[in-house]
Each structure stands twice: as C-alpha cells, then as structure tokens.
Protein backbone atom coordinates (compact mmCIF):
# COMPACT_ATOMS: atom_id res chain seq x y z
CA MET A 1 77.41 119.23 100.85
CA THR A 2 80.29 116.92 101.66
CA VAL A 3 80.32 114.84 104.83
CA GLY A 4 83.26 112.64 105.84
CA SER A 5 83.93 110.21 108.69
CA PHE A 6 86.57 107.73 109.79
CA ILE A 7 84.79 104.64 111.11
CA PRO A 8 86.86 101.48 111.62
CA ALA A 9 84.63 98.56 110.70
CA SER A 10 84.80 94.97 109.56
CA TYR A 11 83.68 93.97 106.09
CA ASN A 12 84.61 91.59 103.32
CA THR A 13 87.93 92.26 101.62
CA TYR A 14 87.72 92.72 97.87
CA ASP A 15 89.86 90.21 95.95
CA PHE A 16 91.35 92.13 93.01
CA LYS A 17 93.05 89.16 91.37
CA GLU A 18 89.87 87.10 91.23
CA ARG A 19 87.78 89.98 89.87
CA ASP A 20 90.50 90.95 87.39
CA GLU A 21 90.61 87.48 85.85
CA GLU A 22 86.84 87.16 85.85
CA GLU A 23 86.30 90.45 84.02
CA PHE A 24 88.83 89.66 81.32
CA ALA A 25 87.47 86.13 80.93
CA THR A 26 83.97 87.46 80.27
CA LYS A 27 84.71 90.78 78.52
CA ARG A 28 88.01 90.29 76.69
CA PRO A 29 87.56 91.24 73.03
CA GLY A 30 89.21 89.28 70.27
CA LEU A 31 92.61 90.45 69.07
CA ALA A 32 91.36 91.44 65.60
CA PHE A 33 88.55 93.50 67.09
CA ALA A 34 90.94 95.17 69.52
CA ILE A 35 93.41 96.10 66.75
CA ALA A 36 90.60 97.44 64.57
CA LEU A 37 89.18 99.56 67.35
CA LEU A 38 92.66 100.79 68.25
CA SER A 39 93.22 101.85 64.63
CA ILE A 40 89.95 103.81 64.62
CA TRP A 41 90.93 105.44 67.91
CA LEU A 42 94.31 106.55 66.57
CA ALA A 43 92.74 107.76 63.33
CA LEU A 44 90.40 109.99 65.29
CA GLY A 45 93.40 111.51 67.04
CA ILE A 46 92.05 110.89 70.53
CA ASN A 47 94.65 111.09 73.29
CA MET A 48 95.47 107.83 75.01
CA PRO A 49 95.65 107.89 78.80
CA ALA A 50 99.07 107.35 80.33
CA VAL A 51 99.63 104.46 82.72
CA ALA A 52 101.48 104.56 86.04
CA GLN A 53 102.37 102.04 88.74
CA THR A 54 100.87 102.73 92.13
CA THR A 55 103.46 101.18 94.44
CA GLY A 56 105.68 103.67 96.26
CA SER A 57 108.90 103.37 98.24
CA LEU A 58 111.81 105.63 99.11
CA THR A 59 115.47 104.82 99.68
CA ASP A 60 117.07 107.29 102.09
CA PRO A 61 120.87 107.00 102.58
CA TYR A 62 120.57 108.72 105.98
CA ALA A 63 117.82 106.42 107.28
CA ILE A 64 118.38 103.23 109.26
CA THR A 65 115.33 100.96 109.22
CA SER A 66 114.81 97.67 111.05
CA LEU A 67 112.26 95.18 112.39
CA PRO A 68 109.65 95.34 109.61
CA ALA A 69 106.01 94.49 110.28
CA TYR A 70 103.47 93.60 107.60
CA TYR A 71 99.87 94.77 107.36
CA GLY A 72 96.89 94.49 105.07
CA PHE A 73 94.04 96.96 105.09
CA THR A 74 90.89 97.76 103.20
CA LYS A 75 89.19 101.11 102.60
CA THR A 76 85.57 101.47 101.49
CA VAL A 77 83.94 104.70 100.36
CA THR A 78 80.17 104.93 99.95
CA ILE A 79 78.55 108.00 98.38
CA THR A 80 74.78 108.19 98.92
CA ASN A 81 72.21 110.60 97.51
CA GLN A 82 69.94 111.33 100.45
CA GLY A 83 68.18 114.17 98.64
CA GLN A 84 65.05 114.19 96.49
CA ALA A 85 66.55 114.95 93.07
CA PRO A 86 69.23 113.31 90.90
CA ALA A 87 72.81 114.46 91.46
CA LEU A 88 74.33 115.05 88.01
CA ASN A 89 77.94 115.04 86.80
CA VAL A 90 79.18 113.70 90.11
CA VAL A 91 82.98 113.97 90.51
CA SER A 92 84.87 112.58 93.49
CA HIS A 93 88.56 112.95 94.39
CA ILE A 94 89.87 110.15 96.63
CA VAL A 95 93.37 109.79 98.10
CA LEU A 96 94.79 106.53 96.73
CA LEU A 97 98.39 106.68 98.01
CA PRO A 98 100.57 108.99 100.13
CA PRO A 99 104.05 110.09 99.08
CA ALA A 100 106.79 107.50 99.58
CA THR A 101 108.66 107.33 102.89
CA PRO A 102 111.67 105.27 104.05
CA TYR A 103 109.79 103.89 107.09
CA ALA A 104 106.65 102.59 105.35
CA HIS A 105 105.97 101.05 101.96
CA VAL A 106 102.26 101.29 101.18
CA THR A 107 101.00 99.50 98.05
CA LEU A 108 97.58 99.69 96.45
CA THR A 109 96.87 96.06 95.55
CA GLY A 110 93.27 96.20 94.36
CA TYR A 111 90.25 98.35 93.63
CA SER A 112 86.64 97.55 92.85
CA THR A 113 86.46 100.29 90.20
CA MET A 114 89.29 101.85 88.24
CA PRO A 115 89.50 105.66 88.54
CA ASP A 116 88.80 107.68 85.42
CA SER A 117 92.11 109.51 85.93
CA THR A 118 94.68 110.29 88.61
CA PHE A 119 96.87 113.23 89.57
CA ARG A 120 99.30 114.32 92.29
CA ASP A 121 98.05 117.04 94.61
CA GLN A 122 100.19 119.81 96.12
CA TYR A 123 101.32 117.48 98.92
CA GLY A 124 102.35 114.66 96.60
CA ASN A 125 99.37 112.39 97.33
CA LEU A 126 98.12 110.28 94.43
CA ILE A 127 94.46 111.22 93.90
CA GLY A 128 91.94 109.10 92.03
CA VAL A 129 89.23 110.93 90.08
CA TYR A 130 85.87 109.15 89.83
CA GLN A 131 82.96 110.38 87.72
CA TRP A 132 79.32 109.30 87.45
CA PRO A 133 76.70 110.77 85.07
CA ASP A 134 74.19 110.75 87.92
CA ILE A 135 73.33 109.30 91.31
CA LEU A 136 69.59 108.98 91.79
CA PRO A 137 67.75 109.73 95.05
CA GLY A 138 68.14 106.89 97.52
CA HIS A 139 70.96 105.32 95.48
CA SER A 140 74.59 104.78 96.48
CA VAL A 141 77.92 103.98 94.84
CA THR A 142 80.54 102.05 96.78
CA LEU A 143 84.27 101.89 96.05
CA THR A 144 86.61 99.39 97.70
CA PHE A 145 90.42 99.59 97.84
CA THR A 146 92.84 97.00 99.23
CA TYR A 147 96.37 97.74 100.41
CA GLN A 148 99.47 96.11 101.79
CA ASP A 149 102.02 97.88 103.94
CA THR A 150 105.46 97.22 105.38
CA SER A 151 106.28 99.54 108.30
CA GLU A 152 109.62 99.66 110.09
CA ASN A 153 111.44 101.26 112.98
CA ILE A 154 113.55 104.17 111.75
CA ALA A 155 116.46 106.22 113.02
CA TYR A 156 118.84 108.48 111.11
CA ARG A 157 122.60 108.82 110.74
CA LEU A 158 122.66 112.57 110.17
CA PRO A 159 125.54 115.01 109.52
CA SER A 160 126.66 117.36 112.26
CA GLU A 161 126.56 120.45 110.04
CA TYR A 162 124.21 121.69 107.33
CA PRO A 163 124.43 124.28 104.55
CA PRO A 164 121.88 127.13 104.52
CA TYR A 165 118.43 126.42 103.12
CA ASN A 166 117.85 127.26 99.49
CA GLN A 167 115.04 129.71 100.14
CA ALA A 168 114.19 129.86 96.44
CA SER A 169 113.48 126.11 96.27
CA ALA A 170 109.92 124.85 95.83
CA ILE A 171 110.03 122.82 99.04
CA TYR A 172 111.21 125.76 101.14
CA ARG A 173 108.68 128.20 99.67
CA GLU A 174 105.79 125.74 100.00
CA TYR A 175 106.44 124.38 103.48
CA THR A 176 107.36 127.62 105.23
CA ASN A 177 104.55 129.61 103.60
CA PRO A 178 102.32 131.20 106.30
CA ARG A 179 99.31 130.83 103.98
CA LEU A 180 99.68 127.05 103.78
CA GLU A 181 97.08 125.45 106.08
CA ALA A 182 96.85 128.84 107.78
CA GLN A 183 93.62 128.22 109.68
CA ALA A 184 95.12 125.36 111.70
CA VAL A 185 98.85 126.10 111.65
CA ASN A 186 99.04 129.88 112.37
CA THR A 187 102.60 130.21 111.07
CA ASP A 188 104.25 133.52 112.09
CA ALA A 189 101.53 134.36 114.62
CA PRO A 190 103.06 136.81 117.14
CA ALA A 191 102.71 134.48 120.14
CA ILE A 192 104.35 131.61 118.26
CA ARG A 193 107.06 133.87 116.82
CA ALA A 194 107.94 135.14 120.32
CA LEU A 195 108.20 131.60 121.73
CA VAL A 196 110.27 130.30 118.81
CA ASN A 197 112.69 133.23 119.01
CA GLN A 198 113.13 132.62 122.73
CA LEU A 199 113.81 128.89 122.30
CA THR A 200 116.13 128.99 119.27
CA HIS A 201 118.03 132.22 120.00
CA GLY A 202 121.69 131.77 119.08
CA LEU A 203 121.20 128.37 117.38
CA THR A 204 122.10 128.03 113.70
CA ASN A 205 121.96 124.24 113.21
CA PRO A 206 118.47 123.43 111.83
CA TYR A 207 118.53 119.92 113.31
CA ARG A 208 119.30 121.31 116.75
CA ARG A 209 116.62 124.02 116.39
CA ALA A 210 114.03 121.41 115.37
CA GLN A 211 115.02 119.29 118.37
CA VAL A 212 114.71 122.18 120.83
CA LEU A 213 111.23 123.01 119.51
CA PHE A 214 110.23 119.33 119.65
CA ASN A 215 111.38 118.98 123.24
CA TRP A 216 109.41 122.05 124.30
CA VAL A 217 106.22 120.67 122.76
CA ALA A 218 106.80 117.23 124.31
CA GLN A 219 107.38 118.70 127.78
CA ASN A 220 104.72 121.41 127.81
CA ILE A 221 101.69 120.15 125.82
CA GLN A 222 99.48 117.52 127.43
CA TYR A 223 97.40 115.02 125.51
CA ASN A 224 93.65 115.65 125.84
CA TYR A 225 92.19 112.25 126.70
CA SER A 226 88.66 113.61 126.30
CA LEU A 227 89.58 113.65 122.57
CA LYS A 228 88.28 117.18 122.13
CA ALA A 229 90.37 119.01 119.52
CA SER A 230 91.59 122.54 120.20
CA GLY A 231 91.57 123.14 116.43
CA SER A 232 94.68 125.26 115.86
CA ALA A 233 98.27 125.82 116.88
CA LEU A 234 97.44 129.03 118.74
CA ALA A 235 94.58 127.41 120.67
CA THR A 236 96.84 124.51 121.62
CA LEU A 237 99.59 126.88 122.74
CA LYS A 238 97.11 128.79 124.91
CA SER A 239 95.46 125.76 126.51
CA ARG A 240 98.62 123.59 126.62
CA LEU A 241 96.27 120.75 125.73
CA GLY A 242 95.40 118.92 122.50
CA ILE A 243 94.96 115.70 120.57
CA CYS A 244 97.51 114.41 118.05
CA SER A 245 96.41 116.75 115.24
CA ASP A 246 96.62 119.77 117.56
CA ILE A 247 100.08 118.83 118.81
CA ALA A 248 101.23 118.32 115.21
CA ASP A 249 99.70 121.70 114.27
CA LEU A 250 101.72 123.46 116.97
CA TYR A 251 105.01 121.72 116.18
CA VAL A 252 104.67 122.36 112.43
CA SER A 253 103.75 125.99 113.16
CA MET A 254 106.86 126.45 115.30
CA LEU A 255 109.10 124.82 112.68
CA ARG A 256 107.74 126.89 109.79
CA THR A 257 107.93 130.07 111.88
CA ASP A 258 111.60 129.24 112.51
CA GLY A 259 112.23 128.83 108.77
CA ILE A 260 112.36 125.01 108.81
CA PRO A 261 110.10 123.38 106.17
CA ALA A 262 107.60 121.02 107.82
CA ARG A 263 104.60 118.94 106.77
CA PHE A 264 101.90 116.69 108.20
CA VAL A 265 101.42 112.95 107.77
CA GLY A 266 97.99 111.50 108.46
CA GLY A 267 97.74 107.78 109.01
CA TYR A 268 96.97 104.89 111.29
CA VAL A 269 98.91 103.37 114.18
CA THR A 270 98.12 99.72 114.80
CA ASN A 271 99.24 99.96 118.43
CA ASN A 272 99.43 102.92 120.81
CA GLY A 273 101.62 101.01 123.24
CA ASP A 274 98.55 99.70 125.04
CA GLY A 275 97.36 97.34 122.34
CA GLN A 276 94.90 99.78 120.74
CA GLY A 277 94.97 101.10 117.18
CA GLY A 278 93.59 104.34 115.80
CA PHE A 279 93.97 107.20 113.37
CA HIS A 280 96.91 109.45 114.11
CA GLN A 281 98.85 112.43 112.80
CA TRP A 282 102.59 113.02 112.92
CA THR A 283 105.11 115.29 111.18
CA GLU A 284 108.18 115.48 108.99
CA PHE A 285 110.70 118.33 108.79
CA TYR A 286 113.19 119.06 106.03
CA LEU A 287 116.97 119.33 106.43
CA PRO A 288 119.31 120.68 103.74
CA ARG A 289 121.09 117.90 101.79
CA VAL A 290 119.22 115.26 103.82
CA GLY A 291 115.54 115.63 102.95
CA TRP A 292 112.48 114.81 105.06
CA VAL A 293 112.98 113.50 108.61
CA VAL A 294 110.11 112.04 110.63
CA ALA A 295 109.08 113.18 114.12
CA ASP A 296 106.00 112.35 116.21
CA PRO A 297 105.53 115.12 118.80
CA THR A 298 102.47 113.47 120.38
CA TRP A 299 104.75 110.67 121.55
CA GLY A 300 107.68 113.02 122.12
CA ARG A 301 108.33 111.90 125.69
CA PHE A 302 109.21 108.46 124.37
CA GLY A 303 111.99 109.51 122.00
CA TYR A 304 110.18 110.05 118.70
CA PHE A 305 112.33 112.92 117.41
CA ALA A 306 114.07 111.95 114.14
CA ALA A 307 112.93 108.41 114.84
CA LEU A 308 109.97 106.06 115.00
CA GLN A 309 110.68 103.50 117.68
CA ASP A 310 107.99 101.14 116.50
CA ASP A 311 106.67 99.42 113.38
CA TRP A 312 103.12 100.69 113.89
CA HIS A 313 102.93 103.88 111.79
CA ILE A 314 101.07 103.46 108.47
CA PRO A 315 100.91 106.71 106.42
CA LEU A 316 97.68 107.28 104.48
CA TYR A 317 98.03 110.87 103.19
CA ASP A 318 100.14 114.01 103.56
CA GLY A 319 98.90 117.47 104.46
CA ILE A 320 95.78 118.89 106.07
CA ARG A 321 93.19 117.85 103.50
CA SER A 322 90.04 115.82 103.05
CA ASP A 323 90.61 112.20 102.10
CA ILE A 324 87.66 112.47 99.75
CA SER A 325 85.72 115.32 98.17
CA VAL A 326 82.56 115.19 96.07
CA HIS A 327 81.16 117.77 93.66
CA TRP A 328 77.89 117.58 91.76
CA GLN A 329 75.30 119.50 89.72
CA TYR A 330 71.51 119.47 89.53
CA ALA A 331 68.81 120.51 87.05
CA LYS A 332 67.90 124.21 87.06
CA SER A 333 64.22 123.48 86.51
CA GLY A 334 63.90 121.23 89.54
CA THR A 335 62.22 122.27 92.79
CA THR A 336 64.14 119.74 94.90
CA ARG A 337 67.85 119.21 95.33
CA PRO A 338 70.18 116.24 95.76
CA TYR A 339 72.15 115.82 98.96
CA LEU A 340 75.23 113.59 98.88
CA THR A 341 76.85 112.07 101.95
CA ILE A 342 80.09 110.12 102.32
CA GLY A 343 80.67 107.01 104.42
CA TYR A 344 84.32 106.10 105.00
CA HIS A 345 85.52 102.83 106.56
CA TYR A 346 88.89 101.18 107.19
CA HIS A 347 89.77 97.68 108.32
CA PHE A 348 93.35 96.76 109.28
CA SER A 349 94.93 93.35 109.84
CA THR A 350 98.41 92.08 110.69
CA GLU A 351 100.21 89.70 108.36
CA GLN A 352 102.93 87.26 109.41
CA SER A 353 105.18 87.40 106.35
CA PRO A 354 106.19 89.88 103.64
CA PRO A 355 103.29 90.44 101.24
CA VAL A 356 103.37 89.28 97.64
CA THR A 357 101.96 92.20 95.69
CA LYS A 358 100.54 92.55 92.21
CA SER A 359 101.49 95.59 90.17
CA LEU A 360 98.54 97.75 89.21
CA ALA A 361 98.06 100.21 86.37
CA LEU A 362 96.13 103.46 86.68
CA PRO A 363 95.23 106.20 84.19
CA VAL A 364 97.16 109.41 84.82
CA SER A 365 96.60 113.06 83.96
CA GLY A 366 99.54 115.38 84.34
CA SER A 367 98.07 118.34 86.20
CA PHE A 368 95.68 119.33 88.95
CA PRO A 369 92.13 119.44 87.54
CA THR A 370 89.83 122.39 88.04
CA VAL A 371 87.75 121.95 91.16
CA SER A 372 84.07 122.73 90.62
CA LEU A 373 81.53 123.96 93.14
CA HIS A 374 79.80 121.39 95.33
CA HIS A 375 76.58 121.86 93.37
CA THR A 376 75.49 123.88 90.33
CA ARG A 377 72.12 124.30 88.57
CA LEU A 378 71.97 123.42 84.86
CA GLY A 379 69.79 124.85 82.07
CA PHE A 380 68.60 123.10 78.86
CA TRP A 381 71.72 123.65 76.74
CA ALA A 382 73.97 122.76 79.63
CA MET A 383 72.03 119.52 80.08
CA LEU A 384 72.48 118.80 76.35
CA ARG A 385 76.23 119.39 76.59
CA MET A 386 76.28 117.19 79.68
CA ASP A 387 74.76 114.31 77.70
CA ALA A 388 77.44 114.73 75.03
CA ARG A 389 80.18 114.67 77.67
CA ARG A 390 78.55 111.59 79.20
CA TRP A 391 78.92 109.68 75.92
CA LEU A 392 82.52 110.80 75.56
CA ALA A 393 83.29 109.79 79.15
CA ALA A 394 81.78 106.37 78.50
CA PHE A 395 83.96 106.01 75.40
CA ASP A 396 87.06 107.01 77.43
CA SER A 397 86.19 104.47 80.11
CA TYR A 398 85.82 101.74 77.50
CA TRP A 399 89.19 102.65 76.00
CA ILE A 400 90.90 102.19 79.39
CA ARG A 401 89.36 98.74 79.77
CA LEU A 402 90.27 97.87 76.18
CA LYS A 403 93.89 98.90 76.69
CA LEU A 404 94.19 96.69 79.76
CA ALA A 405 92.52 93.83 77.87
CA ILE A 406 95.08 94.14 75.02
CA GLU A 407 97.93 94.11 77.53
CA ASN A 408 96.58 90.86 79.01
CA LEU A 409 96.03 89.02 75.71
C-alpha cells in the first residue's frame, strides 16, 4: 500500500558537492583498472546507460518575464517497512523535475543517491527510478534532493488572431481527451458542456474563450477556507466552493470541454499575499502557434489570466499524479506481509542572489517502464531469478559509478 503526504519541515540540507568529492576521493579506481573493466564491459556487449542533464528552462518569444526571485529547497523521501516481513524487489518512481516553463527555472543540484534510471512520464515530468533488493521490517531508506529555482513575473504579448487547432496533434489529442484525469476533471460532462456552450457561444478566438471561462470561474467559485476538497470539477460546479485543486479541476474541465488543450501544474507558492507559503495548483492552456500559457484561476480576481503577477510560483510537477509511487513483492511461503509507507518533506528558503548551479548527470532510459502491482507473492524459482537480477542490478549500479569516476579523472 502506498501512502503519501506533503509535510513542510526543517532538516539539514544535503551538500552534493561535498559528498561528490568525498566519494570519488575514497572510491575512485585507478585509470588502468577503469580502462580494463570498461573493455570487459564492452566485450560482454552490455548496454551503457545514457546520460542527461537535469536542468530545465524554456525560452518563449511571446512571454515577458521580469523581477526574478531566487529560492533553494530540499525534498526528502523516506520509505519505511512497517510490516512484519521483508519487502522484496522494491521499486519507487519519484518526480525529479517538472517540464520547463518560461516563468520558473528549476534545477536539481544534488541528490543523496543516484537513481538507477530515469524516464519522462506522459506529462513530461522527469521521473527517477529507484530499486532496492529488499527493505527489512522496521527499516527505512531515505532519499534527499536539493534544488535551486528562479521564478519571475510573467505576462504575454500574444497575437490577436489564431489559426485552427491541429486536432491530429499529440498535444491536442492528449489534453482534450475526456479520459485524461477523468475522475477529477469530468471533461464533457453534460452540466459542464451546457455551461461552456452558454459562455462561449459565438466566440471563435481561443484566447478570448479561455478568458471568458476563466472570468466565470473567478467570479462564481469561492475558495473554501476550511480546506476541505470537493474532489472533482462537477462537485465544485455544484457547490460553487473549492480549494485550489478543485478550482483548477473545474477550469481545466471547462477548457478541455471547449476544445482548448489544458493541463495542471502542481507546485509551491512562497507567499500567498499574506506572507504565508504552501502547496498550490494552477493551470496552463495551449494556443495555436503560441504554446502553453499560464493561468491561476484560484487567484483569478487579482488578474492571473495569461499572467503571474508575482515571483512566488515554483512548479514541482505537471498533471494529476502521485509525486512518488512504490511497488514491492513478498515471499509466497510467508505468513506475514510487508507494509511500506512514504514520508514526504519539503523545506524552502529564499536566496538573495542568482544561484550558482552545478550540472548533474543522470542515467536515462528511453521509454515508460512497465508498472508492477503494489505487491506480489514469489515462489522458489521466482526467488532464484530475483537473486540473479539482484546481482545484475548491482553490476549496473557499479557501472554508473565507474562511468562518473572515469569522467572525473
């Protein structure tokens, strides 16, 4: 079973540069040994992992950014086996970086443990894959990630007219699909369809249609200060009340129902206008020839359509998804089972000057991996195969460290 929580907390920041130098000082192999091992590796025909940079930024010719602010933040993830049996073949997927935006430049500057591989999910998030042969009862594994961010005010200099959407494009098909995030978004639900048709009747300009829908949400949906989520676009429409995720659900639902591609951004705002920070969700909609344009309907009464009038928004991931998932197996012969829980903590701080970042390398796999069940029982032969895979995984992990050691000789 997977359990997740967002709990802002203070803790020591992991210093990647210091750890990086220490590891290579104590574990760096000699050049001759490295070349010999590399030759054996190539002779065996084993695929070498690709390497990618983790920093992301986006230049948008229609965007006007100003007044940058600089932040540092740390994320810790702790996975604990609270059951009474070992959890075997534990695999965790953790969001490392969101897609690039013109209004925020988020950089992964350090990690306590390198992921075994990475991939891009359907939303464009960079996902780190972590694997452990086992986590024993009462034991935990903790991962720490450090980041730097530059966030800016943004407005757009947009054209007055737009060509029709290319309805065959991947973006259009993905982000107007009623099945995408259907439980929360309710795209094409009759009540939402009727409202959208009423509001946008006679309008052909997608920017103007998006603005009319935004204004309706801003003027008719109240923020629920009890912080109780309504849970879906339809529930929010009925109650006219919701928290930021509910308001984003409704606006995205209305946009997609109107044939305008739209997506969610989950992140953190360091200031809500009253000096308080917290986790937040906002949106982006897609315009032909222009691309993605940001809008925050929760703060819609303050002019946040096609603009962010602050330097507080820090994106952490795109889409309605878990920030972390964990899958594991357990022995078929056992009478007890493992039970894994997830602890998730962030700590944010403000910096006074532009950050000096260090480029990081990560292993990359090119496609979305198969997602296993949360837990599966294993027989004798499966356990034997698991041990073989464990040795191979250890060899792969050593190769990644060796490659980085060679690069730093």
